[in-house]
Amino acid sequence: MMSTPFGRESANGILDLVSEPGSTHRGGRRSDVDQAIRRAVYLSAADRTIVVGMLAKGMSTEEIANLTRMSQSTIRRRIRKLTFHLISDLFSFVLAHRGAWNADKRRIAELRFLQRQTLRETARKSGVSMHHVRLIEREIRHTFDLLHHELI
């Protein structure tokens, strides 16, 4: 078990990112972890439990696994994916621009890009076809790519 400011065990280095303020261990920063914790509100309840438990409350993977009834390896894999998702440029783009979009596009963007819902779940919850979800998703990604490449 590793010692970290938040608790005992690391999720394959995710908590190692916060060993010291301003740390760049494994390419991460304390601000990335803080940002992931703040943005966890947009995740599903199950994913939010994992992120907040590990990053904010310092729970071990074993404790979270017992709480969620998942294996420790699943918890480690999900915390890694969720953390990188929450600090991604695409997540930031959707968060920043969704207010300017119509209600349909905003709902689809929130479900697909913020909450990481499946295509099928997004269509069901939005009351539209999967084809429509794909079109909106493609439009958002295209706009993101155009703006992202302009900034580089």
N, C-alpha and C. Protein backbone atom coordinates (compact mmCIF):
# COMPACT_ATOMS: atom_id res chain seq x y z
N MET A 1 0.83 -1.18 0.00
CA MET A 1 0.00 0.00 0.00
C MET A 1 0.88 1.24 0.00
N MET A 2 0.48 2.22 -0.78
CA MET A 2 1.23 3.46 -0.88
C MET A 2 0.66 4.50 0.07
N SER A 3 1.51 5.36 0.55
CA SER A 3 1.05 6.45 1.39
C SER A 3 0.86 7.69 0.53
N THR A 4 -0.31 8.29 0.59
CA THR A 4 -0.60 9.50 -0.15
C THR A 4 -1.28 10.49 0.77
N PRO A 5 -1.37 11.75 0.40
CA PRO A 5 -2.04 12.71 1.26
C PRO A 5 -3.52 12.38 1.47
N PHE A 6 -4.12 11.61 0.54
CA PHE A 6 -5.54 11.31 0.65
C PHE A 6 -5.79 9.96 1.31
N GLY A 7 -4.82 9.12 1.41
CA GLY A 7 -5.10 7.81 1.98
C GLY A 7 -3.99 6.83 1.71
N ARG A 8 -4.37 5.58 1.63
CA ARG A 8 -3.42 4.50 1.61
C ARG A 8 -2.97 4.06 0.24
N GLU A 9 -3.87 3.81 -0.64
CA GLU A 9 -3.52 3.10 -1.86
C GLU A 9 -3.68 3.97 -3.09
N SER A 10 -2.79 3.78 -4.02
CA SER A 10 -2.82 4.53 -5.27
C SER A 10 -3.56 3.74 -6.33
N ALA A 11 -4.23 4.44 -7.22
CA ALA A 11 -4.88 3.80 -8.36
C ALA A 11 -3.94 3.90 -9.55
N ASN A 12 -2.94 3.00 -9.59
CA ASN A 12 -1.93 2.99 -10.65
C ASN A 12 -1.33 4.37 -10.87
N GLY A 13 -1.03 5.07 -9.80
CA GLY A 13 -0.35 6.33 -9.92
C GLY A 13 -1.23 7.56 -9.93
N ILE A 14 -2.54 7.43 -9.98
CA ILE A 14 -3.40 8.61 -10.04
C ILE A 14 -3.21 9.45 -8.80
N LEU A 15 -3.22 8.83 -7.64
CA LEU A 15 -3.04 9.62 -6.42
C LEU A 15 -1.60 10.07 -6.25
N ASP A 16 -0.68 9.40 -6.91
CA ASP A 16 0.70 9.86 -6.86
C ASP A 16 0.84 11.25 -7.47
N LEU A 17 -0.13 11.62 -8.29
CA LEU A 17 -0.11 12.94 -8.92
C LEU A 17 -0.17 14.05 -7.88
N VAL A 18 -0.69 13.75 -6.72
CA VAL A 18 -0.92 14.80 -5.72
C VAL A 18 0.02 14.66 -4.53
N SER A 19 1.17 14.06 -4.72
CA SER A 19 2.07 13.86 -3.60
C SER A 19 2.54 15.16 -2.99
N GLU A 20 2.68 16.19 -3.78
CA GLU A 20 3.05 17.50 -3.28
C GLU A 20 2.36 18.56 -4.12
N PRO A 21 2.04 19.72 -3.52
CA PRO A 21 1.43 20.78 -4.33
C PRO A 21 2.34 21.13 -5.50
N GLY A 22 1.74 21.21 -6.68
CA GLY A 22 2.50 21.55 -7.87
C GLY A 22 3.32 20.40 -8.42
N SER A 23 3.13 19.22 -7.88
CA SER A 23 3.90 18.06 -8.31
C SER A 23 3.65 17.78 -9.78
N THR A 24 4.68 17.33 -10.47
CA THR A 24 4.50 16.92 -11.86
C THR A 24 4.84 15.45 -12.02
N HIS A 25 4.81 14.70 -10.92
CA HIS A 25 5.05 13.26 -10.97
C HIS A 25 4.12 12.61 -11.97
N ARG A 26 4.67 11.79 -12.86
CA ARG A 26 3.92 11.12 -13.92
C ARG A 26 3.15 12.09 -14.79
N GLY A 27 3.63 13.32 -14.91
CA GLY A 27 3.03 14.28 -15.82
C GLY A 27 1.80 14.97 -15.28
N GLY A 28 1.42 14.71 -14.04
CA GLY A 28 0.21 15.30 -13.49
C GLY A 28 0.49 16.45 -12.55
N ARG A 29 -0.57 17.10 -12.12
CA ARG A 29 -0.47 18.22 -11.19
C ARG A 29 -1.58 18.11 -10.17
N ARG A 30 -1.36 18.67 -9.03
CA ARG A 30 -2.38 18.71 -7.99
C ARG A 30 -3.65 19.37 -8.56
N SER A 31 -3.49 20.41 -9.37
CA SER A 31 -4.65 21.11 -9.92
C SER A 31 -5.50 20.19 -10.80
N ASP A 32 -4.88 19.20 -11.47
CA ASP A 32 -5.63 18.25 -12.28
C ASP A 32 -6.55 17.40 -11.40
N VAL A 33 -6.04 16.97 -10.27
CA VAL A 33 -6.84 16.16 -9.35
C VAL A 33 -7.96 17.01 -8.75
N ASP A 34 -7.65 18.23 -8.35
CA ASP A 34 -8.68 19.14 -7.82
C ASP A 34 -9.77 19.37 -8.87
N GLN A 35 -9.35 19.57 -10.11
CA GLN A 35 -10.31 19.78 -11.20
C GLN A 35 -11.19 18.54 -11.40
N ALA A 36 -10.59 17.37 -11.35
CA ALA A 36 -11.35 16.12 -11.50
C ALA A 36 -12.38 15.98 -10.38
N ILE A 37 -12.01 16.34 -9.17
CA ILE A 37 -12.94 16.25 -8.03
C ILE A 37 -14.11 17.21 -8.23
N ARG A 38 -13.82 18.45 -8.63
CA ARG A 38 -14.88 19.44 -8.85
C ARG A 38 -15.83 19.01 -9.97
N ARG A 39 -15.29 18.41 -11.01
CA ARG A 39 -16.10 18.03 -12.17
C ARG A 39 -16.83 16.71 -11.98
N ALA A 40 -16.54 15.98 -10.93
CA ALA A 40 -17.18 14.69 -10.68
C ALA A 40 -18.69 14.82 -10.56
N VAL A 41 -19.18 16.00 -10.27
CA VAL A 41 -20.62 16.24 -10.16
C VAL A 41 -21.35 15.89 -11.45
N TYR A 42 -20.68 15.93 -12.58
CA TYR A 42 -21.31 15.66 -13.87
C TYR A 42 -21.38 14.17 -14.18
N LEU A 43 -20.72 13.33 -13.42
CA LEU A 43 -20.69 11.90 -13.67
C LEU A 43 -21.93 11.21 -13.12
N SER A 44 -22.12 9.97 -13.54
CA SER A 44 -23.19 9.16 -12.97
C SER A 44 -22.88 8.94 -11.48
N ALA A 45 -23.88 8.53 -10.72
CA ALA A 45 -23.71 8.33 -9.28
C ALA A 45 -22.62 7.29 -8.99
N ALA A 46 -22.59 6.21 -9.76
CA ALA A 46 -21.58 5.16 -9.53
C ALA A 46 -20.17 5.68 -9.80
N ASP A 47 -19.99 6.38 -10.90
CA ASP A 47 -18.67 6.93 -11.24
C ASP A 47 -18.26 8.02 -10.25
N ARG A 48 -19.21 8.84 -9.83
CA ARG A 48 -18.93 9.90 -8.87
C ARG A 48 -18.47 9.30 -7.54
N THR A 49 -19.09 8.20 -7.11
CA THR A 49 -18.69 7.52 -5.88
C THR A 49 -17.23 7.11 -5.94
N ILE A 50 -16.83 6.59 -7.08
CA ILE A 50 -15.44 6.13 -7.26
C ILE A 50 -14.47 7.31 -7.21
N VAL A 51 -14.76 8.36 -7.98
CA VAL A 51 -13.85 9.51 -8.06
C VAL A 51 -13.75 10.22 -6.71
N VAL A 52 -14.88 10.53 -6.12
CA VAL A 52 -14.87 11.26 -4.84
C VAL A 52 -14.27 10.39 -3.74
N GLY A 53 -14.63 9.11 -3.73
CA GLY A 53 -14.07 8.21 -2.72
C GLY A 53 -12.56 8.15 -2.77
N MET A 54 -12.03 7.98 -3.95
CA MET A 54 -10.58 7.82 -4.10
C MET A 54 -9.85 9.14 -3.99
N LEU A 55 -10.25 10.14 -4.77
CA LEU A 55 -9.48 11.36 -4.86
C LEU A 55 -9.76 12.37 -3.75
N ALA A 56 -11.00 12.44 -3.28
CA ALA A 56 -11.32 13.45 -2.26
C ALA A 56 -11.29 12.88 -0.85
N LYS A 57 -11.80 11.67 -0.69
CA LYS A 57 -11.89 11.10 0.66
C LYS A 57 -10.72 10.20 1.01
N GLY A 58 -9.92 9.87 0.04
CA GLY A 58 -8.73 9.05 0.29
C GLY A 58 -9.03 7.61 0.60
N MET A 59 -10.14 7.11 0.13
CA MET A 59 -10.47 5.71 0.35
C MET A 59 -9.54 4.82 -0.49
N SER A 60 -9.27 3.64 0.01
CA SER A 60 -8.44 2.70 -0.74
C SER A 60 -9.28 2.02 -1.82
N THR A 61 -8.61 1.40 -2.77
CA THR A 61 -9.35 0.68 -3.81
C THR A 61 -10.14 -0.46 -3.18
N GLU A 62 -9.62 -1.05 -2.13
CA GLU A 62 -10.34 -2.13 -1.44
C GLU A 62 -11.64 -1.62 -0.82
N GLU A 63 -11.58 -0.46 -0.17
CA GLU A 63 -12.78 0.12 0.43
C GLU A 63 -13.83 0.46 -0.63
N ILE A 64 -13.40 1.05 -1.72
CA ILE A 64 -14.33 1.40 -2.80
C ILE A 64 -14.89 0.14 -3.44
N ALA A 65 -14.05 -0.86 -3.64
CA ALA A 65 -14.50 -2.13 -4.21
C ALA A 65 -15.59 -2.76 -3.34
N ASN A 66 -15.40 -2.73 -2.04
CA ASN A 66 -16.42 -3.28 -1.13
C ASN A 66 -17.70 -2.46 -1.19
N LEU A 67 -17.57 -1.16 -1.27
CA LEU A 67 -18.73 -0.27 -1.32
C LEU A 67 -19.53 -0.44 -2.61
N THR A 68 -18.83 -0.57 -3.72
CA THR A 68 -19.49 -0.65 -5.03
C THR A 68 -19.70 -2.08 -5.53
N ARG A 69 -19.14 -3.05 -4.81
CA ARG A 69 -19.22 -4.46 -5.20
C ARG A 69 -18.57 -4.74 -6.55
N MET A 70 -17.44 -4.07 -6.77
CA MET A 70 -16.63 -4.29 -7.97
C MET A 70 -15.26 -4.78 -7.52
N SER A 71 -14.52 -5.34 -8.46
CA SER A 71 -13.17 -5.80 -8.11
C SER A 71 -12.23 -4.60 -8.00
N GLN A 72 -11.14 -4.79 -7.27
CA GLN A 72 -10.17 -3.72 -7.10
C GLN A 72 -9.54 -3.33 -8.44
N SER A 73 -9.31 -4.30 -9.30
CA SER A 73 -8.70 -3.97 -10.60
C SER A 73 -9.67 -3.13 -11.44
N THR A 74 -10.95 -3.41 -11.34
CA THR A 74 -11.94 -2.59 -12.05
C THR A 74 -11.93 -1.17 -11.51
N ILE A 75 -11.86 -1.02 -10.20
CA ILE A 75 -11.82 0.30 -9.58
C ILE A 75 -10.58 1.07 -10.05
N ARG A 76 -9.43 0.42 -10.05
CA ARG A 76 -8.20 1.09 -10.50
C ARG A 76 -8.31 1.54 -11.96
N ARG A 77 -8.83 0.66 -12.81
CA ARG A 77 -8.98 0.98 -14.22
C ARG A 77 -9.98 2.12 -14.42
N ARG A 78 -11.10 2.08 -13.71
CA ARG A 78 -12.12 3.13 -13.87
C ARG A 78 -11.65 4.47 -13.32
N ILE A 79 -10.94 4.48 -12.21
CA ILE A 79 -10.47 5.76 -11.67
C ILE A 79 -9.48 6.41 -12.62
N ARG A 80 -8.64 5.59 -13.24
CA ARG A 80 -7.68 6.12 -14.22
C ARG A 80 -8.42 6.73 -15.41
N LYS A 81 -9.38 5.98 -15.98
CA LYS A 81 -10.13 6.47 -17.13
C LYS A 81 -10.97 7.70 -16.77
N LEU A 82 -11.63 7.65 -15.63
CA LEU A 82 -12.48 8.77 -15.22
C LEU A 82 -11.68 10.03 -14.96
N THR A 83 -10.54 9.90 -14.32
CA THR A 83 -9.72 11.07 -14.02
C THR A 83 -9.24 11.73 -15.31
N PHE A 84 -8.75 10.95 -16.24
CA PHE A 84 -8.29 11.52 -17.50
C PHE A 84 -9.45 12.09 -18.31
N HIS A 85 -10.61 11.46 -18.21
CA HIS A 85 -11.82 11.98 -18.87
C HIS A 85 -12.18 13.36 -18.31
N LEU A 86 -12.16 13.49 -16.99
CA LEU A 86 -12.58 14.73 -16.34
C LEU A 86 -11.64 15.91 -16.61
N ILE A 87 -10.39 15.63 -16.93
CA ILE A 87 -9.44 16.73 -17.19
C ILE A 87 -9.15 16.88 -18.68
N SER A 88 -9.91 16.17 -19.52
CA SER A 88 -9.65 16.21 -20.97
C SER A 88 -10.10 17.53 -21.59
N ASP A 89 -9.52 17.86 -22.73
CA ASP A 89 -9.88 19.06 -23.48
C ASP A 89 -11.31 18.98 -24.00
N LEU A 90 -11.75 17.79 -24.41
CA LEU A 90 -13.11 17.63 -24.91
C LEU A 90 -14.14 17.89 -23.80
N PHE A 91 -13.88 17.38 -22.61
CA PHE A 91 -14.76 17.63 -21.48
C PHE A 91 -14.84 19.13 -21.21
N SER A 92 -13.70 19.80 -21.21
CA SER A 92 -13.66 21.25 -20.98
C SER A 92 -14.44 22.00 -22.06
N PHE A 93 -14.28 21.57 -23.30
CA PHE A 93 -14.98 22.20 -24.43
C PHE A 93 -16.49 22.10 -24.26
N VAL A 94 -16.98 20.90 -23.98
CA VAL A 94 -18.43 20.71 -23.83
C VAL A 94 -18.94 21.52 -22.64
N LEU A 95 -18.21 21.50 -21.56
CA LEU A 95 -18.61 22.24 -20.36
C LEU A 95 -18.70 23.74 -20.66
N ALA A 96 -17.76 24.26 -21.43
CA ALA A 96 -17.71 25.69 -21.72
C ALA A 96 -18.74 26.13 -22.75
N HIS A 97 -19.07 25.28 -23.71
CA HIS A 97 -19.92 25.69 -24.82
C HIS A 97 -21.37 25.22 -24.75
N ARG A 98 -21.70 24.32 -23.86
CA ARG A 98 -23.04 23.74 -23.85
C ARG A 98 -24.14 24.76 -23.61
N GLY A 99 -23.85 25.85 -22.93
CA GLY A 99 -24.85 26.88 -22.67
C GLY A 99 -25.34 27.57 -23.93
N ALA A 100 -24.54 27.56 -24.97
CA ALA A 100 -24.90 28.23 -26.23
C ALA A 100 -25.66 27.29 -27.17
N TRP A 101 -25.78 26.03 -26.83
CA TRP A 101 -26.43 25.06 -27.69
C TRP A 101 -27.92 24.94 -27.37
N ASN A 102 -28.70 24.48 -28.35
CA ASN A 102 -30.13 24.25 -28.10
C ASN A 102 -30.29 23.10 -27.10
N ALA A 103 -31.49 22.99 -26.55
CA ALA A 103 -31.74 22.02 -25.47
C ALA A 103 -31.43 20.59 -25.89
N ASP A 104 -31.78 20.22 -27.12
CA ASP A 104 -31.54 18.86 -27.62
C ASP A 104 -30.04 18.56 -27.68
N LYS A 105 -29.29 19.45 -28.29
CA LYS A 105 -27.85 19.25 -28.42
C LYS A 105 -27.17 19.27 -27.05
N ARG A 106 -27.61 20.17 -26.18
CA ARG A 106 -27.03 20.27 -24.83
C ARG A 106 -27.27 18.96 -24.05
N ARG A 107 -28.49 18.43 -24.11
CA ARG A 107 -28.82 17.19 -23.39
C ARG A 107 -27.97 16.03 -23.89
N ILE A 108 -27.84 15.91 -25.20
CA ILE A 108 -27.03 14.84 -25.78
C ILE A 108 -25.56 15.01 -25.39
N ALA A 109 -25.06 16.23 -25.46
CA ALA A 109 -23.67 16.50 -25.09
C ALA A 109 -23.40 16.17 -23.63
N GLU A 110 -24.32 16.54 -22.76
CA GLU A 110 -24.14 16.25 -21.34
C GLU A 110 -24.13 14.75 -21.06
N LEU A 111 -25.05 14.03 -21.71
CA LEU A 111 -25.11 12.59 -21.49
C LEU A 111 -23.91 11.86 -22.08
N ARG A 112 -23.51 12.21 -23.31
CA ARG A 112 -22.42 11.50 -23.99
C ARG A 112 -21.04 11.92 -23.51
N PHE A 113 -20.82 13.23 -23.41
CA PHE A 113 -19.46 13.72 -23.16
C PHE A 113 -19.17 14.02 -21.71
N LEU A 114 -20.17 14.37 -20.94
CA LEU A 114 -19.92 14.65 -19.53
C LEU A 114 -20.17 13.42 -18.66
N GLN A 115 -21.30 12.77 -18.89
CA GLN A 115 -21.66 11.62 -18.05
C GLN A 115 -21.17 10.29 -18.60
N ARG A 116 -20.65 10.28 -19.81
CA ARG A 116 -20.12 9.07 -20.45
C ARG A 116 -21.18 7.99 -20.64
N GLN A 117 -22.41 8.38 -20.96
CA GLN A 117 -23.47 7.41 -21.21
C GLN A 117 -23.24 6.76 -22.56
N THR A 118 -23.75 5.56 -22.72
CA THR A 118 -23.65 4.88 -24.01
C THR A 118 -24.55 5.56 -25.03
N LEU A 119 -24.31 5.24 -26.27
CA LEU A 119 -25.13 5.78 -27.35
C LEU A 119 -26.60 5.41 -27.14
N ARG A 120 -26.85 4.16 -26.81
CA ARG A 120 -28.20 3.67 -26.59
C ARG A 120 -28.88 4.38 -25.41
N GLU A 121 -28.16 4.51 -24.29
CA GLU A 121 -28.71 5.19 -23.11
C GLU A 121 -29.00 6.66 -23.41
N THR A 122 -28.10 7.30 -24.13
CA THR A 122 -28.30 8.70 -24.49
C THR A 122 -29.55 8.87 -25.34
N ALA A 123 -29.73 7.99 -26.32
CA ALA A 123 -30.92 8.05 -27.18
C ALA A 123 -32.18 7.84 -26.35
N ARG A 124 -32.16 6.85 -25.48
CA ARG A 124 -33.32 6.55 -24.64
C ARG A 124 -33.68 7.72 -23.73
N LYS A 125 -32.67 8.25 -23.04
CA LYS A 125 -32.92 9.35 -22.09
C LYS A 125 -33.28 10.65 -22.79
N SER A 126 -32.84 10.82 -24.02
CA SER A 126 -33.13 12.05 -24.77
C SER A 126 -34.41 11.94 -25.59
N GLY A 127 -34.90 10.73 -25.76
CA GLY A 127 -36.10 10.53 -26.55
C GLY A 127 -35.88 10.73 -28.04
N VAL A 128 -34.66 10.43 -28.51
CA VAL A 128 -34.34 10.55 -29.93
C VAL A 128 -33.72 9.24 -30.41
N SER A 129 -33.51 9.14 -31.71
CA SER A 129 -32.91 7.92 -32.27
C SER A 129 -31.39 7.92 -32.03
N MET A 130 -30.83 6.72 -32.11
CA MET A 130 -29.37 6.61 -31.99
C MET A 130 -28.70 7.32 -33.17
N HIS A 131 -29.33 7.31 -34.32
CA HIS A 131 -28.80 8.02 -35.47
C HIS A 131 -28.69 9.52 -35.17
N HIS A 132 -29.72 10.08 -34.55
CA HIS A 132 -29.70 11.51 -34.20
C HIS A 132 -28.58 11.80 -33.20
N VAL A 133 -28.40 10.91 -32.23
CA VAL A 133 -27.32 11.09 -31.24
C VAL A 133 -25.97 11.08 -31.95
N ARG A 134 -25.78 10.14 -32.89
CA ARG A 134 -24.53 10.08 -33.65
C ARG A 134 -24.27 11.37 -34.42
N LEU A 135 -25.30 11.91 -35.04
CA LEU A 135 -25.15 13.16 -35.80
C LEU A 135 -24.73 14.32 -34.90
N ILE A 136 -25.38 14.45 -33.77
CA ILE A 136 -25.04 15.53 -32.83
C ILE A 136 -23.63 15.32 -32.28
N GLU A 137 -23.31 14.08 -31.93
CA GLU A 137 -21.98 13.77 -31.41
C GLU A 137 -20.90 14.12 -32.45
N ARG A 138 -21.14 13.76 -33.70
CA ARG A 138 -20.21 14.05 -34.79
C ARG A 138 -20.04 15.56 -34.96
N GLU A 139 -21.14 16.30 -34.88
CA GLU A 139 -21.10 17.76 -35.00
C GLU A 139 -20.27 18.39 -33.87
N ILE A 140 -20.47 17.91 -32.65
CA ILE A 140 -19.73 18.44 -31.50
C ILE A 140 -18.24 18.14 -31.65
N ARG A 141 -17.92 16.90 -32.00
CA ARG A 141 -16.51 16.53 -32.17
C ARG A 141 -15.84 17.32 -33.29
N HIS A 142 -16.59 17.54 -34.37
CA HIS A 142 -16.05 18.32 -35.50
C HIS A 142 -15.75 19.75 -35.06
N THR A 143 -16.68 20.37 -34.36
CA THR A 143 -16.47 21.74 -33.86
C THR A 143 -15.29 21.79 -32.90
N PHE A 144 -15.22 20.81 -32.01
CA PHE A 144 -14.10 20.73 -31.07
C PHE A 144 -12.78 20.61 -31.82
N ASP A 145 -12.72 19.71 -32.80
CA ASP A 145 -11.48 19.52 -33.57
C ASP A 145 -11.06 20.79 -34.26
N LEU A 146 -12.02 21.50 -34.87
CA LEU A 146 -11.69 22.76 -35.56
C LEU A 146 -11.12 23.79 -34.59
N LEU A 147 -11.79 23.98 -33.48
CA LEU A 147 -11.32 24.97 -32.49
C LEU A 147 -10.03 24.54 -31.82
N HIS A 148 -9.92 23.26 -31.52
CA HIS A 148 -8.73 22.75 -30.86
C HIS A 148 -7.49 22.89 -31.75
N HIS A 149 -7.64 22.63 -33.05
CA HIS A 149 -6.50 22.74 -33.97
C HIS A 149 -6.13 24.20 -34.22
N GLU A 150 -7.08 25.11 -34.11
CA GLU A 150 -6.78 26.53 -34.25
C GLU A 150 -5.93 27.03 -33.09
N LEU A 151 -6.16 26.46 -31.91
CA LEU A 151 -5.46 26.88 -30.71
C LEU A 151 -4.05 26.31 -30.62
N ILE A 152 -3.79 25.23 -31.36
CA ILE A 152 -2.47 24.58 -31.28
C ILE A 152 -1.46 25.28 -32.13
